[in-house]
Every structure is written in C-alpha cells, then in structure tokens.
Amino acid sequence: MQLLKEAFPKLAHLAIVFAPGIPTNPPLANAAEQAATAMGIRVTRIELRQTTDVDTAVQRAKSAGAQAFMVFASAFTQARRAILVKESLDQQLPGIYYDGEFVASGGFMSYATSPEIYRRAATIVDKILTGANPGDLPAEQPTSFELMINLKSAAILGIPVPNSLQLRADQLFK
C-alpha cells in the first residue's frame, strides 16, 4: 500500500481484485482495506468468482472510480495475466501485482517474494521425498521481496515514477 501511495501521492481510491474462494485472499483483502483506510484511501472490492471475471475486473474498477488496483494471487489472475495487463493499459488504470511476471508482461508494478522461496520449497519437497518427516522440518517464511517497475508502462499510463521508488526497485523494465 505504501508503494502505491509513493507512486501516486494523490491516490484516494483503490480497487482490490481478489478471488474470495482462495482461503488466503479474504484476510489479505481485509488487511489491505484496513491499511488503505488508515491512509485515507477509499477501497472498492472486485471479487473474482470465475476465470472470466478477470476479463472485466479492470473495467469494473475504473467504473467504480478507482485510480489504481491491487491484485491478489489466484489461478484466475495467473491464467488471464495477459488480459489483465492489457486491460490495465487500455483503461489507463495502473496495477500492483503479486508476481513479477505481470510486470515483465507490461503491468506497472509488483512487490513480491523473491524467487528464492520457490527454490527453498523445492529443497523441502526433496527432503520429504527422500524420507524426511514433514512434521520435523522447520516452517519457513519468505525473507526477501522484490520490487519491480515497468517504466515503459508507467510512461503509457502517464505516471512519473519518483526517483526514490526507482532507486529501491530490484528490477526496472524500460
């Protein structure tokens, strides 16, 4: 939320795009809404109940008056990534995504766990497959995150990305 506010100091209305059927999405949406409210940002919830809901999510956010949108992870959004990014650019509505693949595909910004977490998961799976008891393995959480910004998309969207944000980015797409 803070990254969006830094990119858009006048952000007053945000759409949260999520799939309520994904167990982690409703609590994340609630937390994001609380954070937005604390920052004086109004929130519109855009629920995805089926894959095709992604096709109109950005249009619904724009129609509701949102100035930007935030997308939470789901198979729906991953399957329709190209459509979501295209609609974002067509509707002139910047998004922040949960995965850098969206930014590489033309989305505005992502703040996500480092790909290192997937390598660590593979190591844990290997341990289990070679006989380790899952209950004996320590729980792991991501410890590093990556900020990615697509400057080309920012230019299309008319967003002057502050230097402070560009300097903190792990990857800039030009």
N, C-alpha and C. Protein backbone atom coordinates (compact mmCIF):
# COMPACT_ATOMS: atom_id res chain seq x y z
N MET A 1 0.82 -1.18 0.00
CA MET A 1 0.00 0.00 0.00
C MET A 1 0.87 1.26 0.00
N GLN A 2 1.94 1.19 0.78
CA GLN A 2 2.84 2.33 0.87
C GLN A 2 3.51 2.61 -0.48
N LEU A 3 3.86 1.57 -1.22
CA LEU A 3 4.48 1.75 -2.53
C LEU A 3 3.53 2.44 -3.50
N LEU A 4 2.27 2.04 -3.47
CA LEU A 4 1.28 2.71 -4.32
C LEU A 4 1.13 4.17 -3.94
N LYS A 5 1.08 4.43 -2.66
CA LYS A 5 0.93 5.81 -2.20
C LYS A 5 2.15 6.65 -2.59
N GLU A 6 3.31 6.02 -2.59
CA GLU A 6 4.51 6.75 -3.01
C GLU A 6 4.48 7.03 -4.51
N ALA A 7 4.01 6.06 -5.27
CA ALA A 7 3.92 6.25 -6.73
C ALA A 7 2.81 7.24 -7.08
N PHE A 8 1.74 7.23 -6.29
CA PHE A 8 0.58 8.10 -6.53
C PHE A 8 0.24 8.86 -5.25
N PRO A 9 0.94 9.94 -4.98
CA PRO A 9 0.68 10.67 -3.73
C PRO A 9 -0.78 11.11 -3.57
N LYS A 10 -1.49 11.32 -4.67
CA LYS A 10 -2.88 11.76 -4.59
C LYS A 10 -3.86 10.59 -4.66
N LEU A 11 -3.38 9.36 -4.48
CA LEU A 11 -4.25 8.19 -4.53
C LEU A 11 -5.33 8.30 -3.46
N ALA A 12 -6.57 8.28 -3.91
CA ALA A 12 -7.70 8.40 -2.99
C ALA A 12 -8.67 7.22 -3.10
N HIS A 13 -8.55 6.44 -4.18
CA HIS A 13 -9.48 5.33 -4.40
C HIS A 13 -8.75 4.16 -5.06
N LEU A 14 -8.77 3.02 -4.40
CA LEU A 14 -8.06 1.83 -4.84
C LEU A 14 -9.05 0.68 -4.98
N ALA A 15 -8.91 -0.10 -6.03
CA ALA A 15 -9.69 -1.34 -6.18
C ALA A 15 -8.81 -2.51 -5.78
N ILE A 16 -9.38 -3.42 -5.02
CA ILE A 16 -8.70 -4.65 -4.63
C ILE A 16 -9.34 -5.78 -5.40
N VAL A 17 -8.55 -6.46 -6.22
CA VAL A 17 -9.04 -7.54 -7.08
C VAL A 17 -8.60 -8.86 -6.46
N PHE A 18 -9.59 -9.69 -6.07
CA PHE A 18 -9.24 -10.94 -5.39
C PHE A 18 -10.31 -12.00 -5.62
N ALA A 19 -9.91 -13.24 -5.40
CA ALA A 19 -10.82 -14.39 -5.51
C ALA A 19 -11.21 -14.82 -4.10
N PRO A 20 -12.46 -14.59 -3.69
CA PRO A 20 -12.86 -14.93 -2.33
C PRO A 20 -12.80 -16.43 -2.04
N GLY A 21 -12.77 -17.27 -3.07
CA GLY A 21 -12.68 -18.71 -2.88
C GLY A 21 -11.28 -19.19 -2.52
N ILE A 22 -10.28 -18.34 -2.64
CA ILE A 22 -8.91 -18.69 -2.24
C ILE A 22 -8.79 -18.35 -0.76
N PRO A 23 -8.53 -19.33 0.10
CA PRO A 23 -8.57 -19.09 1.55
C PRO A 23 -7.75 -17.91 2.05
N THR A 24 -6.61 -17.62 1.41
CA THR A 24 -5.77 -16.51 1.89
C THR A 24 -6.24 -15.15 1.39
N ASN A 25 -7.05 -15.13 0.33
CA ASN A 25 -7.44 -13.85 -0.27
C ASN A 25 -8.33 -12.98 0.62
N PRO A 26 -9.42 -13.48 1.21
CA PRO A 26 -10.25 -12.59 2.04
C PRO A 26 -9.49 -11.94 3.20
N PRO A 27 -8.67 -12.68 3.96
CA PRO A 27 -7.91 -11.99 5.01
C PRO A 27 -6.94 -10.95 4.46
N LEU A 28 -6.31 -11.24 3.32
CA LEU A 28 -5.41 -10.25 2.71
C LEU A 28 -6.19 -9.02 2.25
N ALA A 29 -7.35 -9.25 1.66
CA ALA A 29 -8.19 -8.13 1.21
C ALA A 29 -8.61 -7.28 2.41
N ASN A 30 -8.97 -7.92 3.51
CA ASN A 30 -9.35 -7.18 4.72
C ASN A 30 -8.18 -6.35 5.25
N ALA A 31 -6.99 -6.97 5.29
CA ALA A 31 -5.82 -6.25 5.78
C ALA A 31 -5.48 -5.07 4.86
N ALA A 32 -5.56 -5.30 3.55
CA ALA A 32 -5.27 -4.22 2.61
C ALA A 32 -6.29 -3.09 2.75
N GLU A 33 -7.54 -3.44 2.94
CA GLU A 33 -8.57 -2.42 3.11
C GLU A 33 -8.33 -1.61 4.39
N GLN A 34 -7.95 -2.29 5.46
CA GLN A 34 -7.66 -1.58 6.71
C GLN A 34 -6.47 -0.63 6.53
N ALA A 35 -5.44 -1.10 5.86
CA ALA A 35 -4.26 -0.25 5.62
C ALA A 35 -4.63 0.94 4.76
N ALA A 36 -5.42 0.71 3.73
CA ALA A 36 -5.84 1.80 2.84
C ALA A 36 -6.67 2.82 3.61
N THR A 37 -7.60 2.34 4.38
CA THR A 37 -8.47 3.23 5.17
C THR A 37 -7.63 4.08 6.12
N ALA A 38 -6.63 3.46 6.75
CA ALA A 38 -5.76 4.21 7.66
C ALA A 38 -4.98 5.29 6.93
N MET A 39 -4.76 5.09 5.63
CA MET A 39 -4.03 6.08 4.83
C MET A 39 -4.98 7.05 4.13
N GLY A 40 -6.27 6.94 4.41
CA GLY A 40 -7.25 7.85 3.81
C GLY A 40 -7.63 7.46 2.39
N ILE A 41 -7.45 6.20 2.03
CA ILE A 41 -7.77 5.72 0.69
C ILE A 41 -9.06 4.90 0.73
N ARG A 42 -9.99 5.27 -0.13
CA ARG A 42 -11.25 4.51 -0.26
C ARG A 42 -10.98 3.24 -1.05
N VAL A 43 -11.68 2.16 -0.72
CA VAL A 43 -11.45 0.87 -1.37
C VAL A 43 -12.73 0.34 -2.00
N THR A 44 -12.60 -0.18 -3.21
CA THR A 44 -13.66 -0.94 -3.86
C THR A 44 -13.15 -2.36 -4.03
N ARG A 45 -13.96 -3.32 -3.63
CA ARG A 45 -13.59 -4.73 -3.78
C ARG A 45 -14.14 -5.27 -5.10
N ILE A 46 -13.27 -5.90 -5.85
CA ILE A 46 -13.66 -6.55 -7.10
C ILE A 46 -13.42 -8.05 -6.89
N GLU A 47 -14.51 -8.80 -6.76
CA GLU A 47 -14.39 -10.24 -6.49
C GLU A 47 -14.39 -11.03 -7.80
N LEU A 48 -13.51 -12.02 -7.83
CA LEU A 48 -13.40 -12.91 -8.98
C LEU A 48 -13.93 -14.28 -8.56
N ARG A 49 -15.07 -14.64 -9.10
CA ARG A 49 -15.66 -15.92 -8.74
C ARG A 49 -15.44 -16.99 -9.82
N GLN A 50 -15.06 -16.54 -11.00
CA GLN A 50 -14.70 -17.46 -12.08
C GLN A 50 -13.66 -16.78 -12.95
N THR A 51 -12.97 -17.57 -13.75
CA THR A 51 -11.86 -17.05 -14.55
C THR A 51 -12.27 -15.88 -15.42
N THR A 52 -13.44 -15.95 -16.03
CA THR A 52 -13.85 -14.88 -16.94
C THR A 52 -14.13 -13.56 -16.23
N ASP A 53 -14.27 -13.58 -14.90
CA ASP A 53 -14.45 -12.32 -14.16
C ASP A 53 -13.21 -11.43 -14.28
N VAL A 54 -12.06 -12.04 -14.54
CA VAL A 54 -10.82 -11.28 -14.70
C VAL A 54 -10.93 -10.34 -15.90
N ASP A 55 -11.63 -10.80 -16.95
CA ASP A 55 -11.72 -10.03 -18.20
C ASP A 55 -12.34 -8.64 -18.00
N THR A 56 -13.20 -8.50 -17.02
CA THR A 56 -13.88 -7.22 -16.79
C THR A 56 -13.45 -6.55 -15.48
N ALA A 57 -12.51 -7.15 -14.76
CA ALA A 57 -12.12 -6.61 -13.45
C ALA A 57 -11.61 -5.18 -13.53
N VAL A 58 -10.76 -4.89 -14.50
CA VAL A 58 -10.19 -3.54 -14.60
C VAL A 58 -11.27 -2.55 -15.00
N GLN A 59 -12.13 -2.94 -15.91
CA GLN A 59 -13.24 -2.05 -16.31
C GLN A 59 -14.15 -1.76 -15.12
N ARG A 60 -14.43 -2.78 -14.31
CA ARG A 60 -15.27 -2.56 -13.12
C ARG A 60 -14.58 -1.63 -12.13
N ALA A 61 -13.27 -1.80 -11.97
CA ALA A 61 -12.52 -0.92 -11.07
C ALA A 61 -12.57 0.52 -11.57
N LYS A 62 -12.35 0.70 -12.86
CA LYS A 62 -12.38 2.04 -13.47
C LYS A 62 -13.76 2.66 -13.33
N SER A 63 -14.81 1.87 -13.60
CA SER A 63 -16.18 2.37 -13.49
C SER A 63 -16.53 2.78 -12.07
N ALA A 64 -15.91 2.11 -11.10
CA ALA A 64 -16.17 2.45 -9.70
C ALA A 64 -15.42 3.71 -9.26
N GLY A 65 -14.54 4.21 -10.14
CA GLY A 65 -13.80 5.43 -9.81
C GLY A 65 -12.42 5.20 -9.24
N ALA A 66 -11.95 3.95 -9.25
CA ALA A 66 -10.61 3.65 -8.71
C ALA A 66 -9.54 4.32 -9.57
N GLN A 67 -8.47 4.75 -8.92
CA GLN A 67 -7.34 5.36 -9.60
C GLN A 67 -6.21 4.36 -9.83
N ALA A 68 -6.30 3.21 -9.16
CA ALA A 68 -5.31 2.14 -9.28
C ALA A 68 -5.97 0.88 -8.73
N PHE A 69 -5.31 -0.26 -8.97
CA PHE A 69 -5.84 -1.51 -8.40
C PHE A 69 -4.70 -2.39 -7.93
N MET A 70 -5.05 -3.28 -7.00
CA MET A 70 -4.12 -4.22 -6.40
C MET A 70 -4.69 -5.62 -6.64
N VAL A 71 -3.84 -6.53 -7.13
CA VAL A 71 -4.29 -7.88 -7.46
C VAL A 71 -3.68 -8.89 -6.50
N PHE A 72 -4.52 -9.79 -5.97
CA PHE A 72 -4.05 -10.87 -5.12
C PHE A 72 -3.96 -12.16 -5.92
N ALA A 73 -3.10 -13.05 -5.47
CA ALA A 73 -2.81 -14.29 -6.20
C ALA A 73 -4.03 -15.21 -6.30
N SER A 74 -4.22 -15.71 -7.51
CA SER A 74 -5.22 -16.76 -7.75
C SER A 74 -4.93 -17.40 -9.10
N ALA A 75 -5.44 -18.60 -9.28
CA ALA A 75 -5.30 -19.25 -10.59
C ALA A 75 -6.02 -18.43 -11.66
N PHE A 76 -7.10 -17.74 -11.27
CA PHE A 76 -7.86 -16.91 -12.22
C PHE A 76 -6.97 -15.82 -12.81
N THR A 77 -6.30 -15.08 -11.93
CA THR A 77 -5.49 -13.96 -12.41
C THR A 77 -4.23 -14.46 -13.13
N GLN A 78 -3.67 -15.56 -12.67
CA GLN A 78 -2.49 -16.10 -13.34
C GLN A 78 -2.85 -16.56 -14.76
N ALA A 79 -3.99 -17.21 -14.89
CA ALA A 79 -4.42 -17.73 -16.21
C ALA A 79 -4.74 -16.60 -17.19
N ARG A 80 -5.18 -15.47 -16.67
CA ARG A 80 -5.58 -14.35 -17.53
C ARG A 80 -4.65 -13.15 -17.39
N ARG A 81 -3.41 -13.42 -17.04
CA ARG A 81 -2.43 -12.34 -16.81
C ARG A 81 -2.37 -11.37 -17.99
N ALA A 82 -2.26 -11.88 -19.20
CA ALA A 82 -2.12 -11.02 -20.39
C ALA A 82 -3.34 -10.11 -20.55
N ILE A 83 -4.52 -10.65 -20.31
CA ILE A 83 -5.75 -9.86 -20.44
C ILE A 83 -5.79 -8.77 -19.36
N LEU A 84 -5.43 -9.14 -18.15
CA LEU A 84 -5.44 -8.17 -17.04
C LEU A 84 -4.48 -7.01 -17.32
N VAL A 85 -3.30 -7.33 -17.80
CA VAL A 85 -2.31 -6.29 -18.11
C VAL A 85 -2.78 -5.43 -19.28
N LYS A 86 -3.28 -6.06 -20.32
CA LYS A 86 -3.77 -5.30 -21.49
C LYS A 86 -4.90 -4.36 -21.09
N GLU A 87 -5.85 -4.84 -20.32
CA GLU A 87 -6.97 -4.00 -19.88
C GLU A 87 -6.48 -2.85 -19.01
N SER A 88 -5.47 -3.10 -18.19
CA SER A 88 -4.90 -2.05 -17.36
C SER A 88 -4.38 -0.90 -18.23
N LEU A 89 -3.65 -1.26 -19.27
CA LEU A 89 -3.10 -0.23 -20.16
C LEU A 89 -4.21 0.43 -20.99
N ASP A 90 -5.15 -0.37 -21.49
CA ASP A 90 -6.27 0.18 -22.28
C ASP A 90 -7.14 1.13 -21.46
N GLN A 91 -7.39 0.78 -20.22
CA GLN A 91 -8.25 1.58 -19.34
C GLN A 91 -7.47 2.69 -18.61
N GLN A 92 -6.15 2.73 -18.83
CA GLN A 92 -5.29 3.72 -18.17
C GLN A 92 -5.43 3.64 -16.65
N LEU A 93 -5.37 2.41 -16.14
CA LEU A 93 -5.50 2.17 -14.70
C LEU A 93 -4.32 1.32 -14.24
N PRO A 94 -3.38 1.91 -13.49
CA PRO A 94 -2.20 1.17 -13.05
C PRO A 94 -2.53 0.13 -12.00
N GLY A 95 -1.79 -0.98 -12.06
CA GLY A 95 -1.98 -2.03 -11.08
C GLY A 95 -0.68 -2.41 -10.39
N ILE A 96 -0.82 -2.91 -9.18
CA ILE A 96 0.29 -3.52 -8.46
C ILE A 96 -0.08 -4.98 -8.31
N TYR A 97 0.88 -5.85 -8.63
CA TYR A 97 0.63 -7.27 -8.74
C TYR A 97 1.46 -8.07 -7.74
N TYR A 98 1.08 -9.32 -7.57
CA TYR A 98 1.72 -10.22 -6.62
C TYR A 98 2.89 -10.99 -7.24
N ASP A 99 3.16 -10.79 -8.51
CA ASP A 99 4.17 -11.58 -9.20
C ASP A 99 4.84 -10.73 -10.27
N GLY A 100 6.16 -10.82 -10.34
CA GLY A 100 6.91 -10.04 -11.30
C GLY A 100 6.60 -10.38 -12.75
N GLU A 101 6.01 -11.56 -13.00
CA GLU A 101 5.64 -11.92 -14.37
C GLU A 101 4.65 -10.91 -14.96
N PHE A 102 3.81 -10.34 -14.12
CA PHE A 102 2.86 -9.33 -14.60
C PHE A 102 3.61 -8.10 -15.11
N VAL A 103 4.65 -7.71 -14.40
CA VAL A 103 5.43 -6.53 -14.78
C VAL A 103 6.22 -6.82 -16.05
N ALA A 104 6.78 -8.01 -16.14
CA ALA A 104 7.51 -8.40 -17.35
C ALA A 104 6.57 -8.43 -18.56
N SER A 105 5.27 -8.67 -18.30
CA SER A 105 4.26 -8.71 -19.37
C SER A 105 3.67 -7.34 -19.68
N GLY A 106 4.12 -6.30 -18.97
CA GLY A 106 3.63 -4.96 -19.24
C GLY A 106 2.85 -4.31 -18.11
N GLY A 107 2.67 -5.02 -17.00
CA GLY A 107 2.00 -4.43 -15.84
C GLY A 107 2.87 -3.37 -15.21
N PHE A 108 2.28 -2.49 -14.41
CA PHE A 108 3.00 -1.36 -13.86
C PHE A 108 4.02 -1.74 -12.78
N MET A 109 3.58 -2.42 -11.71
CA MET A 109 4.45 -2.64 -10.56
C MET A 109 4.11 -3.94 -9.86
N SER A 110 5.13 -4.57 -9.28
CA SER A 110 4.88 -5.72 -8.41
C SER A 110 5.79 -5.62 -7.20
N TYR A 111 5.28 -6.14 -6.12
CA TYR A 111 6.08 -6.29 -4.91
C TYR A 111 5.79 -7.70 -4.44
N ALA A 112 6.76 -8.57 -4.59
CA ALA A 112 6.51 -9.99 -4.38
C ALA A 112 7.69 -10.68 -3.72
N THR A 113 7.42 -11.88 -3.23
CA THR A 113 8.50 -12.67 -2.65
C THR A 113 9.54 -12.96 -3.72
N SER A 114 10.76 -13.04 -3.30
CA SER A 114 11.86 -13.37 -4.21
C SER A 114 11.68 -14.79 -4.72
N PRO A 115 12.10 -15.07 -5.95
CA PRO A 115 12.02 -16.44 -6.47
C PRO A 115 12.79 -17.44 -5.60
N GLU A 116 13.63 -16.97 -4.72
CA GLU A 116 14.37 -17.86 -3.82
C GLU A 116 13.42 -18.75 -3.01
N ILE A 117 12.24 -18.25 -2.70
CA ILE A 117 11.28 -19.04 -1.92
C ILE A 117 10.89 -20.31 -2.66
N TYR A 118 10.85 -20.25 -3.98
CA TYR A 118 10.49 -21.44 -4.76
C TYR A 118 11.63 -22.46 -4.75
N ARG A 119 12.85 -21.98 -4.77
CA ARG A 119 13.99 -22.89 -4.67
C ARG A 119 14.02 -23.57 -3.30
N ARG A 120 13.69 -22.79 -2.27
CA ARG A 120 13.64 -23.36 -0.91
C ARG A 120 12.53 -24.40 -0.83
N ALA A 121 11.40 -24.14 -1.46
CA ALA A 121 10.30 -25.11 -1.45
C ALA A 121 10.73 -26.40 -2.13
N ALA A 122 11.48 -26.29 -3.21
CA ALA A 122 11.96 -27.49 -3.90
C ALA A 122 12.88 -28.31 -3.00
N THR A 123 13.69 -27.63 -2.23
CA THR A 123 14.58 -28.32 -1.30
C THR A 123 13.79 -29.07 -0.25
N ILE A 124 12.74 -28.46 0.25
CA ILE A 124 11.90 -29.11 1.26
C ILE A 124 11.17 -30.31 0.66
N VAL A 125 10.65 -30.16 -0.54
CA VAL A 125 9.98 -31.29 -1.21
C VAL A 125 10.98 -32.44 -1.39
N ASP A 126 12.20 -32.11 -1.80
CA ASP A 126 13.22 -33.14 -1.96
C ASP A 126 13.46 -33.88 -0.65
N LYS A 127 13.54 -33.16 0.45
CA LYS A 127 13.76 -33.80 1.75
C LYS A 127 12.62 -34.75 2.09
N ILE A 128 11.40 -34.33 1.82
CA ILE A 128 10.24 -35.17 2.11
C ILE A 128 10.26 -36.42 1.23
N LEU A 129 10.56 -36.22 -0.06
CA LEU A 129 10.58 -37.36 -0.98
C LEU A 129 11.71 -38.34 -0.67
N THR A 130 12.74 -37.88 0.00
CA THR A 130 13.84 -38.78 0.36
C THR A 130 13.72 -39.28 1.79
N GLY A 131 12.54 -39.12 2.39
CA GLY A 131 12.27 -39.77 3.67
C GLY A 131 12.11 -38.90 4.89
N ALA A 132 12.32 -37.63 4.80
CA ALA A 132 12.18 -36.76 5.98
C ALA A 132 10.70 -36.67 6.38
N ASN A 133 10.47 -36.61 7.67
CA ASN A 133 9.12 -36.43 8.19
C ASN A 133 8.75 -34.95 8.08
N PRO A 134 7.68 -34.61 7.35
CA PRO A 134 7.31 -33.19 7.20
C PRO A 134 7.15 -32.46 8.53
N GLY A 135 6.67 -33.16 9.53
CA GLY A 135 6.49 -32.54 10.84
C GLY A 135 7.78 -32.15 11.52
N ASP A 136 8.88 -32.76 11.08
CA ASP A 136 10.18 -32.46 11.68
C ASP A 136 10.90 -31.30 10.99
N LEU A 137 10.38 -30.89 9.84
CA LEU A 137 11.02 -29.80 9.09
C LEU A 137 10.54 -28.45 9.62
N PRO A 138 11.44 -27.48 9.70
CA PRO A 138 11.02 -26.17 10.20
C PRO A 138 10.13 -25.44 9.19
N ALA A 139 9.19 -24.69 9.72
CA ALA A 139 8.35 -23.85 8.86
C ALA A 139 9.22 -22.70 8.34
N GLU A 140 9.00 -22.34 7.09
CA GLU A 140 9.79 -21.26 6.50
C GLU A 140 8.86 -20.18 5.98
N GLN A 141 9.33 -18.97 6.08
CA GLN A 141 8.61 -17.82 5.54
C GLN A 141 9.55 -17.05 4.63
N PRO A 142 8.97 -16.33 3.66
CA PRO A 142 9.85 -15.53 2.80
C PRO A 142 10.58 -14.47 3.62
N THR A 143 11.83 -14.26 3.25
CA THR A 143 12.62 -13.25 3.94
C THR A 143 13.07 -12.13 3.02
N SER A 144 12.86 -12.33 1.72
CA SER A 144 13.23 -11.26 0.80
C SER A 144 12.12 -11.04 -0.22
N PHE A 145 11.97 -9.80 -0.59
CA PHE A 145 10.92 -9.39 -1.52
C PHE A 145 11.56 -8.56 -2.62
N GLU A 146 10.92 -8.56 -3.78
CA GLU A 146 11.46 -7.80 -4.91
C GLU A 146 10.42 -6.80 -5.40
N LEU A 147 10.89 -5.59 -5.63
CA LEU A 147 10.08 -4.54 -6.22
C LEU A 147 10.47 -4.43 -7.69
N MET A 148 9.47 -4.57 -8.55
CA MET A 148 9.70 -4.44 -9.99
C MET A 148 8.77 -3.37 -10.53
N ILE A 149 9.31 -2.53 -11.41
CA ILE A 149 8.53 -1.45 -12.01
C ILE A 149 8.76 -1.45 -13.51
N ASN A 150 7.70 -1.34 -14.27
CA ASN A 150 7.79 -1.27 -15.71
C ASN A 150 7.69 0.21 -16.10
N LEU A 151 8.84 0.82 -16.41
CA LEU A 151 8.87 2.25 -16.75
C LEU A 151 8.19 2.54 -18.08
N LYS A 152 8.25 1.60 -18.99
CA LYS A 152 7.57 1.77 -20.28
C LYS A 152 6.06 1.87 -20.06
N SER A 153 5.52 0.98 -19.23
CA SER A 153 4.09 1.02 -18.92
C SER A 153 3.75 2.28 -18.13
N ALA A 154 4.64 2.69 -17.23
CA ALA A 154 4.41 3.92 -16.47
C ALA A 154 4.27 5.09 -17.42
N ALA A 155 5.09 5.13 -18.46
CA ALA A 155 5.01 6.22 -19.45
C ALA A 155 3.69 6.15 -20.20
N ILE A 156 3.26 4.96 -20.58
CA ILE A 156 1.97 4.80 -21.27
C ILE A 156 0.83 5.27 -20.39
N LEU A 157 0.94 4.97 -19.07
CA LEU A 157 -0.10 5.34 -18.11
C LEU A 157 0.03 6.80 -17.65
N GLY A 158 1.10 7.47 -18.06
CA GLY A 158 1.30 8.86 -17.66
C GLY A 158 1.72 9.02 -16.22
N ILE A 159 2.47 8.05 -15.71
CA ILE A 159 2.88 8.07 -14.31
C ILE A 159 4.36 8.45 -14.21
N PRO A 160 4.66 9.57 -13.60
CA PRO A 160 6.07 9.90 -13.36
C PRO A 160 6.54 9.15 -12.11
N VAL A 161 7.29 8.07 -12.30
CA VAL A 161 7.74 7.25 -11.17
C VAL A 161 8.83 8.00 -10.42
N PRO A 162 8.61 8.27 -9.14
CA PRO A 162 9.60 9.01 -8.36
C PRO A 162 10.96 8.31 -8.35
N ASN A 163 12.02 9.11 -8.37
CA ASN A 163 13.38 8.55 -8.32
C ASN A 163 13.58 7.68 -7.09
N SER A 164 12.98 8.08 -5.97
CA SER A 164 13.14 7.30 -4.74
C SER A 164 12.61 5.88 -4.91
N LEU A 165 11.55 5.73 -5.67
CA LEU A 165 10.98 4.41 -5.93
C LEU A 165 11.84 3.65 -6.94
N GLN A 166 12.32 4.34 -7.95
CA GLN A 166 13.17 3.68 -8.95
C GLN A 166 14.46 3.17 -8.31
N LEU A 167 15.03 3.94 -7.40
CA LEU A 167 16.27 3.54 -6.75
C LEU A 167 16.10 2.30 -5.87
N ARG A 168 14.92 2.13 -5.31
CA ARG A 168 14.65 0.97 -4.47
C ARG A 168 14.26 -0.27 -5.25
N ALA A 169 13.92 -0.09 -6.51
CA ALA A 169 13.47 -1.22 -7.33
C ALA A 169 14.59 -2.23 -7.54
N ASP A 170 14.23 -3.49 -7.46
CA ASP A 170 15.17 -4.56 -7.76
C ASP A 170 15.33 -4.74 -9.26
N GLN A 171 14.27 -4.40 -9.98
CA GLN A 171 14.34 -4.52 -11.43
C GLN A 171 13.44 -3.46 -12.06
N LEU A 172 13.99 -2.77 -13.05
CA LEU A 172 13.25 -1.79 -13.84
C LEU A 172 13.15 -2.30 -15.27
N PHE A 173 11.94 -2.30 -15.81
CA PHE A 173 11.75 -2.66 -17.21
C PHE A 173 11.63 -1.38 -17.99
N LYS A 174 12.46 -1.22 -19.04
CA LYS A 174 12.47 0.02 -19.81
C LYS A 174 12.00 -0.21 -21.23
